N, C-alpha and C. Protein backbone atom coordinates (compact mmCIF):
# COMPACT_ATOMS: atom_id res chain seq x y z
N MET A 1 125.22 60.16 205.74
CA MET A 1 125.83 60.58 204.48
C MET A 1 125.11 61.77 203.86
N SER A 2 123.83 61.91 204.16
CA SER A 2 123.09 62.98 203.51
C SER A 2 123.10 64.28 204.30
N SER A 3 123.69 64.28 205.51
CA SER A 3 123.70 65.50 206.29
C SER A 3 124.67 66.49 205.68
N PRO A 4 124.33 67.83 205.70
CA PRO A 4 125.21 68.82 205.09
C PRO A 4 126.55 68.88 205.81
N HIS A 5 127.62 69.18 205.02
CA HIS A 5 128.94 69.45 205.55
C HIS A 5 129.31 70.87 205.18
N SER A 6 130.08 71.55 206.02
CA SER A 6 130.50 72.90 205.70
C SER A 6 131.67 72.87 204.73
N ALA A 7 131.61 73.69 203.69
CA ALA A 7 132.71 73.82 202.75
C ALA A 7 133.67 74.87 203.27
N VAL A 8 134.94 74.54 203.36
CA VAL A 8 135.93 75.45 203.91
C VAL A 8 136.37 76.42 202.82
N SER A 9 136.31 77.73 203.13
CA SER A 9 136.68 78.75 202.15
C SER A 9 138.18 78.77 201.93
N THR A 10 138.59 78.83 200.64
CA THR A 10 140.01 78.96 200.31
C THR A 10 140.13 79.84 199.10
N ALA A 11 141.30 80.37 198.86
CA ALA A 11 141.51 81.12 197.63
C ALA A 11 141.70 80.14 196.50
N VAL A 12 140.96 80.21 195.63
CA VAL A 12 141.23 79.34 194.52
C VAL A 12 141.54 80.29 193.34
N SER A 13 135.83 77.74 186.93
CA SER A 13 135.32 78.31 186.30
C SER A 13 135.69 78.01 184.81
N VAL A 14 134.99 77.85 183.77
CA VAL A 14 134.77 77.88 182.35
C VAL A 14 133.72 76.90 182.10
N PRO A 15 133.08 77.20 181.37
CA PRO A 15 131.91 76.37 181.09
C PRO A 15 132.28 75.02 180.58
N SER A 16 131.48 74.10 180.83
CA SER A 16 131.77 72.79 180.27
C SER A 16 131.00 72.57 178.99
N PRO A 17 131.55 71.77 178.07
CA PRO A 17 130.90 71.57 176.78
C PRO A 17 130.01 70.35 176.77
N SER A 18 129.31 70.07 177.86
CA SER A 18 128.63 68.78 177.94
C SER A 18 127.24 68.76 177.33
N ALA A 19 126.65 69.93 177.02
CA ALA A 19 125.28 69.91 176.57
C ALA A 19 125.00 70.54 175.22
N PRO A 20 126.00 71.04 174.48
CA PRO A 20 125.67 71.66 173.19
C PRO A 20 124.99 70.70 172.23
N VAL A 21 124.30 71.26 171.23
CA VAL A 21 123.49 70.43 170.35
C VAL A 21 124.17 70.12 169.02
N ALA A 22 125.33 70.70 168.73
CA ALA A 22 126.00 70.41 167.47
C ALA A 22 127.49 70.46 167.69
N ALA A 23 128.22 69.65 166.95
CA ALA A 23 129.67 69.65 167.09
C ALA A 23 130.32 69.36 165.75
N THR A 24 131.39 70.08 165.47
CA THR A 24 132.16 69.81 164.27
C THR A 24 133.63 69.91 164.61
N ALA A 25 134.47 69.29 163.79
CA ALA A 25 135.91 69.36 164.02
C ALA A 25 136.46 70.66 163.46
N SER A 26 137.62 71.05 163.97
CA SER A 26 138.23 72.28 163.51
C SER A 26 139.73 72.11 163.39
N ALA A 27 140.33 72.88 162.49
CA ALA A 27 141.78 72.95 162.41
C ALA A 27 142.29 73.72 163.61
N PRO A 28 143.58 73.62 163.92
CA PRO A 28 144.13 74.36 165.05
C PRO A 28 143.85 75.84 164.90
N ALA A 29 143.56 76.48 166.04
CA ALA A 29 143.28 77.91 166.02
C ALA A 29 144.11 78.59 167.08
N GLY A 30 144.50 79.84 166.82
CA GLY A 30 145.23 80.59 167.82
C GLY A 30 146.72 80.43 167.63
N SER A 31 147.45 81.52 167.79
CA SER A 31 148.88 81.48 167.53
C SER A 31 149.65 80.69 168.56
N SER A 32 149.04 80.38 169.73
CA SER A 32 149.75 79.66 170.77
C SER A 32 149.66 78.16 170.61
N ALA A 33 148.83 77.67 169.69
CA ALA A 33 148.64 76.23 169.54
C ALA A 33 149.89 75.62 168.93
N THR A 34 150.47 74.62 169.63
CA THR A 34 151.64 73.94 169.13
C THR A 34 151.46 72.46 169.37
N GLY A 35 150.90 71.76 168.41
CA GLY A 35 150.56 70.37 168.60
C GLY A 35 151.76 69.49 168.85
N SER A 36 152.97 69.92 168.45
CA SER A 36 154.14 69.08 168.62
C SER A 36 154.82 69.30 169.97
N SER A 37 154.35 70.27 170.75
CA SER A 37 154.98 70.57 172.02
C SER A 37 154.79 69.43 173.00
N ALA A 38 155.91 69.03 173.65
CA ALA A 38 155.84 67.94 174.61
C ALA A 38 155.54 68.45 176.01
N ALA A 39 155.82 69.74 176.27
CA ALA A 39 155.65 70.29 177.60
C ALA A 39 154.18 70.60 177.88
N ALA A 40 153.77 70.34 179.11
CA ALA A 40 152.40 70.68 179.50
C ALA A 40 152.25 72.20 179.50
N PRO A 41 151.11 72.71 179.05
CA PRO A 41 150.91 74.16 179.02
C PRO A 41 150.71 74.71 180.43
N THR A 42 151.08 75.95 180.62
CA THR A 42 150.81 76.65 181.87
C THR A 42 149.44 77.33 181.78
N VAL A 43 148.95 77.80 182.92
CA VAL A 43 147.69 78.56 182.91
C VAL A 43 147.83 79.79 182.03
N ALA A 44 148.98 80.46 182.10
CA ALA A 44 149.20 81.65 181.28
C ALA A 44 149.14 81.32 179.79
N GLU A 45 149.69 80.18 179.40
CA GLU A 45 149.65 79.78 178.00
C GLU A 45 148.23 79.46 177.54
N LEU A 46 147.44 78.85 178.41
CA LEU A 46 146.03 78.61 178.07
C LEU A 46 145.29 79.93 177.92
N MET A 47 145.60 80.89 178.79
CA MET A 47 144.96 82.20 178.69
C MET A 47 145.35 82.88 177.39
N ASP A 48 146.62 82.82 177.02
CA ASP A 48 147.05 83.40 175.74
C ASP A 48 146.33 82.74 174.57
N PHE A 49 146.19 81.42 174.63
CA PHE A 49 145.53 80.69 173.55
C PHE A 49 144.07 81.12 173.39
N VAL A 50 143.32 81.18 174.48
CA VAL A 50 141.90 81.53 174.33
C VAL A 50 141.74 82.98 173.89
N ARG A 51 142.62 83.86 174.33
CA ARG A 51 142.55 85.26 173.88
C ARG A 51 142.86 85.37 172.39
N ASP A 52 143.94 84.69 171.96
CA ASP A 52 144.31 84.74 170.54
C ASP A 52 143.21 84.15 169.66
N THR A 53 142.67 83.01 170.10
CA THR A 53 141.63 82.35 169.31
C THR A 53 140.37 83.18 169.24
N ALA A 54 140.04 83.87 170.34
CA ALA A 54 138.83 84.71 170.35
C ALA A 54 138.93 85.87 169.37
N ARG A 55 140.14 86.21 168.95
CA ARG A 55 140.32 87.29 167.97
C ARG A 55 140.30 86.80 166.53
N ASP A 56 140.16 85.48 166.33
CA ASP A 56 140.11 84.89 164.99
C ASP A 56 138.69 85.03 164.44
N GLU A 57 138.44 86.11 163.73
CA GLU A 57 137.08 86.41 163.29
C GLU A 57 136.52 85.34 162.37
N ALA A 58 137.35 84.77 161.51
CA ALA A 58 136.86 83.74 160.58
C ALA A 58 136.43 82.50 161.35
N LEU A 59 137.20 82.10 162.34
CA LEU A 59 136.84 80.94 163.13
C LEU A 59 135.55 81.19 163.91
N ILE A 60 135.44 82.34 164.53
CA ILE A 60 134.24 82.66 165.31
C ILE A 60 133.01 82.63 164.40
N ALA A 61 133.15 83.16 163.19
CA ALA A 61 132.02 83.20 162.26
C ALA A 61 131.66 81.82 161.74
N SER A 62 132.58 80.85 161.83
CA SER A 62 132.31 79.50 161.32
C SER A 62 131.46 78.66 162.27
N LEU A 63 131.28 79.11 163.50
CA LEU A 63 130.52 78.33 164.48
C LEU A 63 129.03 78.38 164.16
N PRO A 64 128.38 77.23 163.94
CA PRO A 64 126.93 77.24 163.74
C PRO A 64 126.23 77.68 165.03
N LEU A 65 125.27 78.55 164.91
CA LEU A 65 124.51 79.02 166.08
C LEU A 65 123.10 78.48 166.02
N ASP A 66 122.61 78.01 167.15
CA ASP A 66 121.27 77.45 167.25
C ASP A 66 120.43 78.35 168.15
N PRO A 67 119.17 78.58 167.83
CA PRO A 67 118.37 79.49 168.65
C PRO A 67 118.01 78.94 170.03
N GLU A 68 118.16 77.63 170.23
CA GLU A 68 117.70 77.05 171.49
C GLU A 68 118.79 76.38 172.32
N GLY A 69 119.81 75.81 171.69
CA GLY A 69 120.81 75.05 172.43
C GLY A 69 122.22 75.50 172.11
N ARG A 70 123.12 75.28 173.04
CA ARG A 70 124.53 75.60 172.81
C ARG A 70 125.11 74.74 171.69
N THR A 71 126.06 75.30 170.98
CA THR A 71 126.77 74.59 169.92
C THR A 71 128.27 74.67 170.20
N TRP A 72 129.03 73.75 169.59
CA TRP A 72 130.46 73.77 169.84
C TRP A 72 131.26 73.35 168.63
N ILE A 73 132.55 73.71 168.65
CA ILE A 73 133.57 73.18 167.77
C ILE A 73 134.76 72.80 168.64
N ARG A 74 135.27 71.59 168.48
CA ARG A 74 136.45 71.15 169.21
C ARG A 74 137.69 71.75 168.53
N LEU A 75 138.60 72.31 169.32
CA LEU A 75 139.81 72.93 168.81
C LEU A 75 141.05 72.16 169.27
N ASP A 76 142.16 72.39 168.60
CA ASP A 76 143.44 71.85 169.02
C ASP A 76 144.09 72.84 169.97
N GLY A 77 144.10 72.53 171.25
CA GLY A 77 144.69 73.42 172.23
C GLY A 77 146.18 73.21 172.35
N PRO A 78 146.87 74.13 173.00
CA PRO A 78 148.33 74.02 173.14
C PRO A 78 148.73 72.90 174.09
N GLY A 79 149.82 72.20 173.74
CA GLY A 79 150.39 71.21 174.64
C GLY A 79 149.49 70.07 175.01
N GLY A 80 148.58 69.69 174.11
CA GLY A 80 147.68 68.58 174.40
C GLY A 80 146.49 68.95 175.25
N SER A 81 146.22 70.21 175.39
CA SER A 81 145.05 70.64 176.18
C SER A 81 143.76 70.39 175.40
N GLU A 82 142.66 70.38 176.10
CA GLU A 82 141.33 70.24 175.50
C GLU A 82 140.74 71.64 175.32
N ALA A 83 140.29 71.95 174.11
CA ALA A 83 139.82 73.30 173.83
C ALA A 83 138.52 73.26 173.04
N TRP A 84 137.68 74.27 173.26
CA TRP A 84 136.36 74.33 172.64
C TRP A 84 136.00 75.77 172.28
N LEU A 85 135.31 75.90 171.17
CA LEU A 85 134.61 77.13 170.80
C LEU A 85 133.14 76.87 171.02
N ILE A 86 132.48 77.69 171.84
CA ILE A 86 131.11 77.39 172.27
C ILE A 86 130.20 78.58 171.97
N GLY A 87 129.03 78.29 171.38
CA GLY A 87 128.01 79.30 171.14
C GLY A 87 126.89 79.19 172.15
N TRP A 88 126.44 80.33 172.64
CA TRP A 88 125.44 80.40 173.71
C TRP A 88 124.22 81.19 173.23
N PRO A 89 123.08 80.54 173.00
CA PRO A 89 121.88 81.30 172.67
C PRO A 89 121.44 82.15 173.87
N PRO A 90 120.62 83.16 173.63
CA PRO A 90 120.12 83.97 174.74
C PRO A 90 119.45 83.10 175.81
N GLY A 91 119.76 83.39 177.06
CA GLY A 91 119.10 82.72 178.17
C GLY A 91 119.62 81.34 178.52
N THR A 92 120.73 80.91 177.94
CA THR A 92 121.25 79.57 178.22
C THR A 92 122.42 79.64 179.20
N GLY A 93 122.72 78.49 179.82
CA GLY A 93 123.83 78.43 180.76
C GLY A 93 124.24 77.00 181.02
N THR A 94 125.28 76.85 181.82
CA THR A 94 125.84 75.53 182.08
C THR A 94 125.24 74.84 183.28
N GLY A 95 124.69 75.59 184.24
CA GLY A 95 124.42 75.03 185.55
C GLY A 95 125.73 74.92 186.33
N TRP A 96 125.62 74.67 187.63
CA TRP A 96 126.81 74.57 188.48
C TRP A 96 127.59 73.30 188.16
N HIS A 97 128.92 73.42 188.04
CA HIS A 97 129.77 72.27 187.74
C HIS A 97 131.21 72.58 188.10
N ASP A 98 132.06 71.55 188.10
CA ASP A 98 133.49 71.76 188.23
C ASP A 98 134.21 71.02 187.11
N HIS A 99 135.56 71.07 187.14
CA HIS A 99 136.37 70.44 186.09
C HIS A 99 137.39 69.49 186.68
N ALA A 100 137.11 68.95 187.85
CA ALA A 100 137.98 67.97 188.50
C ALA A 100 139.40 68.53 188.63
N ASP A 101 140.39 67.76 188.20
CA ASP A 101 141.79 68.15 188.40
C ASP A 101 142.35 69.01 187.28
N SER A 102 141.50 69.46 186.38
CA SER A 102 141.97 70.29 185.27
C SER A 102 141.94 71.77 185.66
N PHE A 103 142.96 72.52 185.23
CA PHE A 103 142.92 73.98 185.29
C PHE A 103 142.61 74.49 183.90
N GLY A 104 142.33 75.77 183.77
CA GLY A 104 141.97 76.24 182.43
C GLY A 104 141.76 77.73 182.34
N ALA A 105 141.17 78.14 181.22
CA ALA A 105 140.91 79.55 180.95
C ALA A 105 139.81 79.65 179.91
N PHE A 106 139.10 80.76 179.92
CA PHE A 106 138.13 81.03 178.85
C PHE A 106 138.02 82.52 178.62
N THR A 107 137.61 82.86 177.40
CA THR A 107 137.46 84.26 176.98
C THR A 107 136.20 84.39 176.15
N THR A 108 135.49 85.48 176.32
CA THR A 108 134.31 85.76 175.50
C THR A 108 134.76 86.36 174.18
N ALA A 109 134.36 85.72 173.09
CA ALA A 109 134.74 86.19 171.76
C ALA A 109 133.72 87.17 171.19
N SER A 110 132.45 87.00 171.55
CA SER A 110 131.42 87.95 171.15
C SER A 110 130.29 87.89 172.16
N GLY A 111 129.56 89.00 172.28
CA GLY A 111 128.50 89.06 173.28
C GLY A 111 129.08 89.23 174.67
N ALA A 112 128.35 88.73 175.67
CA ALA A 112 128.79 88.83 177.06
C ALA A 112 128.32 87.60 177.82
N LEU A 113 129.13 87.14 178.75
CA LEU A 113 128.78 86.01 179.61
C LEU A 113 128.91 86.43 181.07
N LYS A 114 128.09 85.84 181.91
CA LYS A 114 128.19 86.08 183.35
C LYS A 114 128.61 84.80 184.04
N GLU A 115 129.58 84.90 184.92
CA GLU A 115 130.05 83.75 185.68
C GLU A 115 129.72 83.93 187.16
N HIS A 116 129.07 82.94 187.74
CA HIS A 116 128.93 82.82 189.19
C HIS A 116 129.88 81.71 189.62
N SER A 117 130.70 81.96 190.63
CA SER A 117 131.65 80.95 191.07
C SER A 117 131.69 80.90 192.59
N LEU A 118 132.32 79.85 193.10
CA LEU A 118 132.48 79.65 194.54
C LEU A 118 133.95 79.71 194.89
N ALA A 119 134.31 80.55 195.85
CA ALA A 119 135.69 80.66 196.30
C ALA A 119 135.94 79.63 197.39
N VAL A 120 135.72 78.36 197.05
CA VAL A 120 135.93 77.25 197.97
C VAL A 120 136.51 76.08 197.21
N ARG A 121 137.18 75.22 197.91
CA ARG A 121 137.64 73.96 197.34
C ARG A 121 136.77 72.86 197.93
N LEU A 122 136.00 72.20 197.09
CA LEU A 122 135.08 71.18 197.56
C LEU A 122 135.81 69.86 197.78
N PRO A 123 135.32 69.03 198.70
CA PRO A 123 135.87 67.67 198.82
C PRO A 123 135.73 66.95 197.48
N THR A 124 136.73 66.15 197.13
CA THR A 124 136.70 65.50 195.83
C THR A 124 135.72 64.34 195.77
N ASP A 125 135.51 63.63 196.87
CA ASP A 125 134.64 62.46 196.86
C ASP A 125 133.98 62.29 198.23
N GLY A 126 132.99 61.40 198.27
CA GLY A 126 132.42 60.99 199.54
C GLY A 126 131.36 61.90 200.11
N TRP A 127 130.70 62.70 199.26
CA TRP A 127 129.64 63.57 199.77
C TRP A 127 128.55 63.72 198.70
N LYS A 128 127.37 64.06 199.16
CA LYS A 128 126.25 64.35 198.25
C LYS A 128 125.71 65.75 198.46
N THR A 129 125.81 66.27 199.69
CA THR A 129 125.25 67.57 200.02
C THR A 129 126.22 68.36 200.88
N LEU A 130 126.41 69.63 200.54
CA LEU A 130 127.26 70.53 201.32
C LEU A 130 126.49 71.79 201.65
N GLU A 131 126.70 72.32 202.83
CA GLU A 131 126.17 73.62 203.19
C GLU A 131 127.31 74.63 203.08
N LEU A 132 127.19 75.59 202.19
CA LEU A 132 128.25 76.56 201.93
C LEU A 132 128.27 77.62 203.02
N THR A 133 129.47 78.06 203.38
CA THR A 133 129.61 79.13 204.35
C THR A 133 129.33 80.48 203.68
N GLU A 134 129.09 81.51 204.48
CA GLU A 134 128.82 82.83 203.94
C GLU A 134 130.06 83.42 203.29
N GLY A 135 129.84 84.26 202.29
CA GLY A 135 130.92 84.99 201.68
C GLY A 135 131.72 84.25 200.63
N VAL A 136 131.22 83.11 200.16
CA VAL A 136 131.99 82.33 199.18
C VAL A 136 131.57 82.62 197.74
N ASP A 137 130.49 83.35 197.54
CA ASP A 137 129.98 83.59 196.19
C ASP A 137 130.73 84.72 195.50
N ARG A 138 131.03 84.51 194.23
CA ARG A 138 131.66 85.52 193.40
C ARG A 138 130.89 85.60 192.09
N SER A 139 130.78 86.80 191.52
CA SER A 139 130.13 86.99 190.22
C SER A 139 130.92 87.99 189.40
N ARG A 140 130.95 87.77 188.09
CA ARG A 140 131.60 88.71 187.20
C ARG A 140 130.96 88.62 185.82
N VAL A 141 130.98 89.73 185.11
CA VAL A 141 130.52 89.78 183.72
C VAL A 141 131.75 89.85 182.83
N LEU A 142 131.80 88.98 181.83
CA LEU A 142 132.91 88.95 180.88
C LEU A 142 132.39 89.40 179.52
N ALA A 143 132.67 90.64 179.19
CA ALA A 143 132.25 91.19 177.90
C ALA A 143 133.21 90.72 176.81
N THR A 144 132.91 91.07 175.56
CA THR A 144 133.74 90.66 174.44
C THR A 144 135.20 91.03 174.69
N GLY A 145 136.09 90.04 174.55
CA GLY A 145 137.51 90.26 174.75
C GLY A 145 137.99 90.03 176.17
N GLN A 146 137.07 89.84 177.10
CA GLN A 146 137.45 89.61 178.49
C GLN A 146 137.41 88.13 178.82
N GLY A 147 138.30 87.70 179.70
CA GLY A 147 138.34 86.30 180.08
C GLY A 147 138.92 86.12 181.46
N ARG A 148 139.10 84.87 181.83
CA ARG A 148 139.69 84.56 183.13
C ARG A 148 140.32 83.18 183.09
N ALA A 149 141.26 82.97 183.99
CA ALA A 149 141.85 81.66 184.21
C ALA A 149 141.35 81.12 185.54
N PHE A 150 141.49 79.80 185.73
CA PHE A 150 141.02 79.19 186.98
C PHE A 150 141.85 77.96 187.29
N GLY A 151 141.84 77.58 188.56
CA GLY A 151 142.62 76.45 189.01
C GLY A 151 141.82 75.16 189.05
N GLN A 152 142.45 74.13 189.58
CA GLN A 152 141.80 72.83 189.71
C GLN A 152 140.59 72.92 190.63
N ASN A 153 139.58 72.08 190.33
CA ASN A 153 138.37 71.96 191.15
C ASN A 153 137.58 73.26 191.26
N HIS A 154 137.74 74.14 190.27
CA HIS A 154 136.98 75.40 190.24
C HIS A 154 135.50 75.09 190.02
N VAL A 155 134.64 75.66 190.86
CA VAL A 155 133.19 75.42 190.78
C VAL A 155 132.51 76.70 190.30
N HIS A 156 131.74 76.59 189.21
CA HIS A 156 131.08 77.78 188.69
C HIS A 156 129.89 77.41 187.82
N GLU A 157 129.14 78.45 187.42
CA GLU A 157 128.18 78.33 186.33
C GLU A 157 128.37 79.54 185.44
N VAL A 158 128.13 79.35 184.15
CA VAL A 158 128.31 80.41 183.16
C VAL A 158 127.00 80.60 182.41
N LEU A 159 126.60 81.86 182.23
CA LEU A 159 125.28 82.18 181.67
C LEU A 159 125.40 83.24 180.59
N ASN A 160 124.55 83.13 179.57
CA ASN A 160 124.30 84.23 178.66
C ASN A 160 122.96 84.83 179.07
N GLU A 161 123.03 85.96 179.75
CA GLU A 161 121.80 86.56 180.29
C GLU A 161 121.10 87.47 179.29
N SER A 162 121.64 87.63 178.10
CA SER A 162 120.98 88.45 177.09
C SER A 162 119.64 87.84 176.71
N THR A 163 118.71 88.69 176.37
CA THR A 163 117.40 88.22 175.90
C THR A 163 117.31 88.13 174.39
N ASP A 164 118.35 88.65 173.68
CA ASP A 164 118.21 88.69 172.22
C ASP A 164 119.51 88.48 171.45
N ALA A 165 120.63 88.21 172.13
CA ALA A 165 121.91 88.09 171.42
C ALA A 165 122.67 86.84 171.85
N HIS A 166 123.22 86.13 170.86
CA HIS A 166 124.12 85.02 171.15
C HIS A 166 125.42 85.54 171.76
N ALA A 167 126.09 84.67 172.49
CA ALA A 167 127.47 84.90 172.90
C ALA A 167 128.31 83.74 172.36
N VAL A 168 129.58 83.98 172.15
CA VAL A 168 130.52 82.95 171.72
C VAL A 168 131.76 83.05 172.60
N SER A 169 132.29 81.91 173.00
CA SER A 169 133.46 81.92 173.89
C SER A 169 134.43 80.80 173.52
N VAL A 170 135.68 80.95 173.97
CA VAL A 170 136.73 79.98 173.74
C VAL A 170 137.21 79.47 175.10
N HIS A 171 137.36 78.14 175.23
CA HIS A 171 137.73 77.50 176.50
C HIS A 171 138.88 76.54 176.27
N ALA A 172 139.78 76.43 177.25
CA ALA A 172 140.86 75.46 177.19
C ALA A 172 141.11 74.89 178.58
N TYR A 173 141.39 73.58 178.64
CA TYR A 173 141.58 72.86 179.91
C TYR A 173 142.80 71.96 179.81
N TYR A 174 143.56 71.87 180.90
CA TYR A 174 144.65 70.91 180.96
C TYR A 174 144.76 70.38 182.39
N PRO A 175 144.94 69.07 182.55
CA PRO A 175 144.87 68.06 181.49
C PRO A 175 143.46 67.99 180.90
N PRO A 176 143.30 67.32 179.74
CA PRO A 176 141.95 67.16 179.19
C PRO A 176 140.99 66.66 180.26
N LEU A 177 139.78 67.17 180.23
CA LEU A 177 138.83 66.93 181.32
C LEU A 177 138.62 65.44 181.60
N PRO A 178 138.94 64.98 182.82
CA PRO A 178 138.71 63.58 183.16
C PRO A 178 137.27 63.32 183.59
N ARG A 179 136.62 64.37 184.08
CA ARG A 179 135.23 64.26 184.51
C ARG A 179 134.70 65.66 184.79
N ILE A 180 133.40 65.77 184.81
CA ILE A 180 132.72 67.00 185.23
C ILE A 180 131.67 66.61 186.26
N ARG A 181 131.74 67.22 187.42
CA ARG A 181 130.69 67.00 188.41
C ARG A 181 129.65 68.10 188.27
N ARG A 182 128.37 67.71 188.24
CA ARG A 182 127.28 68.67 188.10
C ARG A 182 126.51 68.77 189.41
N PHE A 183 126.16 70.01 189.76
CA PHE A 183 125.53 70.29 191.04
C PHE A 183 124.22 71.05 190.85
N SER A 184 123.32 70.88 191.80
CA SER A 184 122.17 71.77 191.93
C SER A 184 122.38 72.59 193.19
N ARG A 185 121.73 73.73 193.25
CA ARG A 185 121.92 74.61 194.41
C ARG A 185 120.59 75.21 194.83
N THR A 186 120.33 75.16 196.14
CA THR A 186 119.18 75.82 196.75
C THR A 186 119.70 76.63 197.92
N GLY A 187 119.75 77.96 197.75
CA GLY A 187 120.32 78.79 198.80
C GLY A 187 121.77 78.43 199.04
N ALA A 188 122.09 78.09 200.30
CA ALA A 188 123.46 77.74 200.65
C ALA A 188 123.77 76.26 200.47
N VAL A 189 122.78 75.48 200.04
CA VAL A 189 122.97 74.03 199.96
C VAL A 189 123.31 73.63 198.53
N LEU A 190 124.46 72.98 198.38
CA LEU A 190 124.94 72.48 197.09
C LEU A 190 124.82 70.97 197.10
N ARG A 191 124.19 70.42 196.06
CA ARG A 191 123.99 68.98 196.00
C ARG A 191 124.63 68.41 194.73
N LEU A 192 125.40 67.35 194.89
CA LEU A 192 125.99 66.66 193.75
C LEU A 192 124.90 65.85 193.05
N GLU A 193 124.69 66.13 191.76
CA GLU A 193 123.62 65.47 191.01
C GLU A 193 124.14 64.34 190.12
N GLN A 194 125.27 64.56 189.45
CA GLN A 194 125.80 63.52 188.57
C GLN A 194 127.25 63.81 188.22
N THR A 195 127.94 62.78 187.77
CA THR A 195 129.31 62.91 187.30
C THR A 195 129.38 62.45 185.86
N GLU A 196 129.90 63.32 184.98
CA GLU A 196 130.02 63.01 183.56
C GLU A 196 131.46 62.67 183.22
N ARG A 197 131.63 61.76 182.26
CA ARG A 197 132.95 61.36 181.77
C ARG A 197 133.11 61.82 180.33
N PRO A 198 134.33 61.80 179.78
CA PRO A 198 134.54 62.32 178.43
C PRO A 198 133.59 61.76 177.37
N GLY A 199 133.20 60.50 177.48
CA GLY A 199 132.29 59.93 176.50
C GLY A 199 130.93 60.60 176.47
N ASP A 200 130.60 61.35 177.52
CA ASP A 200 129.30 62.03 177.57
C ASP A 200 129.27 63.29 176.75
N TRP A 201 130.44 63.88 176.41
CA TRP A 201 130.43 65.11 175.65
C TRP A 201 131.31 65.09 174.40
N GLN A 202 132.07 64.03 174.17
CA GLN A 202 132.93 64.02 172.99
C GLN A 202 132.30 63.18 171.88
């Protein structure tokens, strides 16, 4: 069970809110939020929501910022999605993780974030260690106003690499996150460390 398995590359990210140090409730934000909508949101609708919300200067300014730990505000996302406004002190990050069967989107509202991701679809269960094939790593910098969408089982880590400036970002996931798997990485070896459930971050 502990021997490495090769991850098969496929064409297939957003930070998870599992470790921030403060949380407060928020009214709906963003022009795309429609709490009465019965239809599940599309990836494009989540992307529109995070972009619109990232332009809400009053909301962004309302987020408490901590010098050492990430902070968050829970938002009302479109179509029953799970949404968060997250503050990132200098030098902080998520570590490697995925979002299970949820797809989503995120946008940087202020500052800049760097995303490292894997262009692979990992096995959902039954493994502890994987050896990644060459050429699966992707990296991008998302400056203020820039964002990205991602599909199910997206594996990434998100970092604020600044030494002196906070970053703030908006994230949305659908369906609401059922779990987050957290990984450690040494070179090409990815190891499953723990699985978190909604009660761990809500």
